[in-house]
């Protein structure tokens, strides 16, 4: 068996599977000193879309990073929305609280309370 990621890290964009963990790794490899989260949001036309949230950087720099990544991935894997937050919600150990982050961005899934 070869595990390619968690089911919750897989989304469908226009019928194509997108591995959010792989995109997160790609971002972190290219931008090791930048705090970011790759997630998704519902999209009525394509089913879902890739979203990235950055912590404490300028919106101009965030857009430049997204353009750089989008040039290296398939069209259905491209980031469709980006957000810049001053601070991510974190646990006492410093881990990012993904559910709270998604809620602050206005994104919910069936498994997350509204």
Protein backbone atom coordinates (compact mmCIF):
# COMPACT_ATOMS: atom_id res chain seq x y z
CA UNK A 1 0.00 0.00 0.00
CA UNK A 2 1.09 3.51 -0.75
CA UNK A 3 -0.65 6.31 1.10
CA UNK A 4 -0.98 9.51 -0.89
CA UNK A 5 -2.68 11.61 1.77
CA UNK A 6 -5.72 11.90 3.98
CA UNK A 7 -9.16 11.80 2.41
CA UNK A 8 -9.86 15.24 3.88
CA UNK A 9 -6.84 16.58 2.00
CA UNK A 10 -8.28 15.54 -1.36
CA UNK A 11 -10.76 17.72 -3.24
CA UNK A 12 -12.30 17.56 -6.68
CA UNK A 13 -11.92 20.54 -8.98
CA UNK A 14 -13.77 20.15 -12.29
CA UNK A 15 -13.75 16.38 -11.76
CA UNK A 16 -9.99 16.20 -11.13
CA UNK A 17 -8.56 15.09 -7.77
CA UNK A 18 -6.34 17.68 -6.11
CA UNK A 19 -4.09 16.72 -3.20
CA UNK A 20 -3.97 19.73 -0.85
CA UNK A 21 -1.13 18.16 1.18
CA UNK A 22 1.04 17.98 -1.93
CA UNK A 23 0.32 21.63 -2.71
CA UNK A 24 1.11 22.57 0.91
CA UNK A 25 4.46 20.75 0.60
CA UNK A 26 5.20 22.49 -2.70
CA UNK A 27 4.51 25.91 -1.17
CA UNK A 28 6.61 25.12 1.91
CA UNK A 29 9.49 23.84 -0.23
CA UNK A 30 9.56 27.01 -2.32
CA UNK A 31 8.76 29.35 0.60
CA UNK A 32 10.29 27.75 3.71
CA UNK A 33 10.18 30.92 5.85
CA UNK A 34 6.56 31.83 5.07
CA UNK A 35 3.69 30.71 7.29
CA UNK A 36 0.81 29.58 5.08
CA UNK A 37 -2.05 27.10 4.85
CA UNK A 38 -3.41 25.53 1.67
CA UNK A 39 -7.11 24.70 2.00
CA UNK A 40 -10.22 24.70 -0.14
CA UNK A 41 -13.58 26.36 -0.47
CA UNK A 42 -16.76 25.30 -2.21
CA UNK A 43 -17.28 26.58 -5.72
CA UNK A 44 -20.67 26.23 -7.39
CA UNK A 45 -19.18 25.87 -10.86
CA UNK A 46 -16.14 23.63 -10.31
CA UNK A 47 -17.15 21.87 -7.08
CA UNK A 48 -14.23 23.23 -5.07
CA UNK A 49 -11.34 25.62 -5.42
CA UNK A 50 -7.85 25.82 -3.96
CA UNK A 51 -7.36 28.58 -1.39
CA UNK A 52 -4.17 29.70 0.33
CA UNK A 53 -3.93 31.81 3.48
CA UNK A 54 -0.71 33.63 4.40
CA UNK A 55 0.26 34.93 7.81
CA UNK A 56 1.84 38.35 8.31
CA UNK A 57 3.06 39.21 4.80
CA UNK A 58 2.13 41.93 2.37
CA UNK A 59 -0.75 41.19 -0.04
CA UNK A 60 1.53 42.13 -2.95
CA UNK A 61 4.10 39.52 -1.90
CA UNK A 62 1.34 36.91 -1.36
CA UNK A 63 0.08 37.49 -4.92
CA UNK A 64 3.61 37.12 -6.30
CA UNK A 65 4.04 33.81 -4.45
CA UNK A 66 0.73 32.51 -5.77
CA UNK A 67 1.65 33.46 -9.35
CA UNK A 68 4.96 31.62 -8.95
CA UNK A 69 3.23 28.45 -7.69
CA UNK A 70 0.39 28.62 -10.23
CA UNK A 71 2.97 28.57 -13.03
CA UNK A 72 4.25 25.20 -11.74
CA UNK A 73 1.02 23.25 -11.22
CA UNK A 74 -1.78 21.88 -13.38
CA UNK A 75 -4.64 24.24 -14.25
CA UNK A 76 -7.07 22.49 -11.88
CA UNK A 77 -4.51 22.77 -9.01
CA UNK A 78 -4.08 26.52 -9.33
CA UNK A 79 -4.87 28.75 -6.38
CA UNK A 80 -8.15 30.54 -7.01
CA UNK A 81 -8.33 32.64 -3.84
CA UNK A 82 -5.81 33.98 -1.37
CA UNK A 83 -6.08 35.59 2.02
CA UNK A 84 -3.59 37.42 4.19
CA UNK A 85 -4.16 37.37 7.94
CA UNK A 86 -2.18 39.09 10.66
CA UNK A 87 -2.20 35.97 12.85
CA UNK A 88 -3.41 32.40 12.41
CA UNK A 89 -5.40 30.83 15.26
CA UNK A 90 -3.03 28.46 17.07
CA UNK A 91 -3.07 25.86 19.82
CA UNK A 92 -0.97 26.40 22.96
CA UNK A 93 1.68 24.23 21.26
CA UNK A 94 1.74 26.55 18.23
CA UNK A 95 -0.10 24.33 15.73
CA UNK A 96 -2.48 26.09 13.37
CA UNK A 97 -6.16 25.46 14.12
CA UNK A 98 -7.33 24.69 10.59
CA UNK A 99 -11.05 24.54 11.42
CA UNK A 100 -10.92 27.96 13.12
CA UNK A 101 -8.87 29.37 10.27
CA UNK A 102 -11.40 28.11 7.72
CA UNK A 103 -14.24 29.53 9.82
CA UNK A 104 -12.55 32.94 9.99
CA UNK A 105 -12.30 32.87 6.19
CA UNK A 106 -15.97 31.91 5.91
CA UNK A 107 -15.37 28.36 4.61
CA UNK A 108 -17.10 25.36 6.11
CA UNK A 109 -17.43 21.71 5.10
CA UNK A 110 -20.17 19.22 5.92
CA UNK A 111 -18.10 17.90 8.84
CA UNK A 112 -17.45 21.36 10.31
CA UNK A 113 -20.13 23.23 12.27
CA UNK A 114 -21.34 26.48 10.75
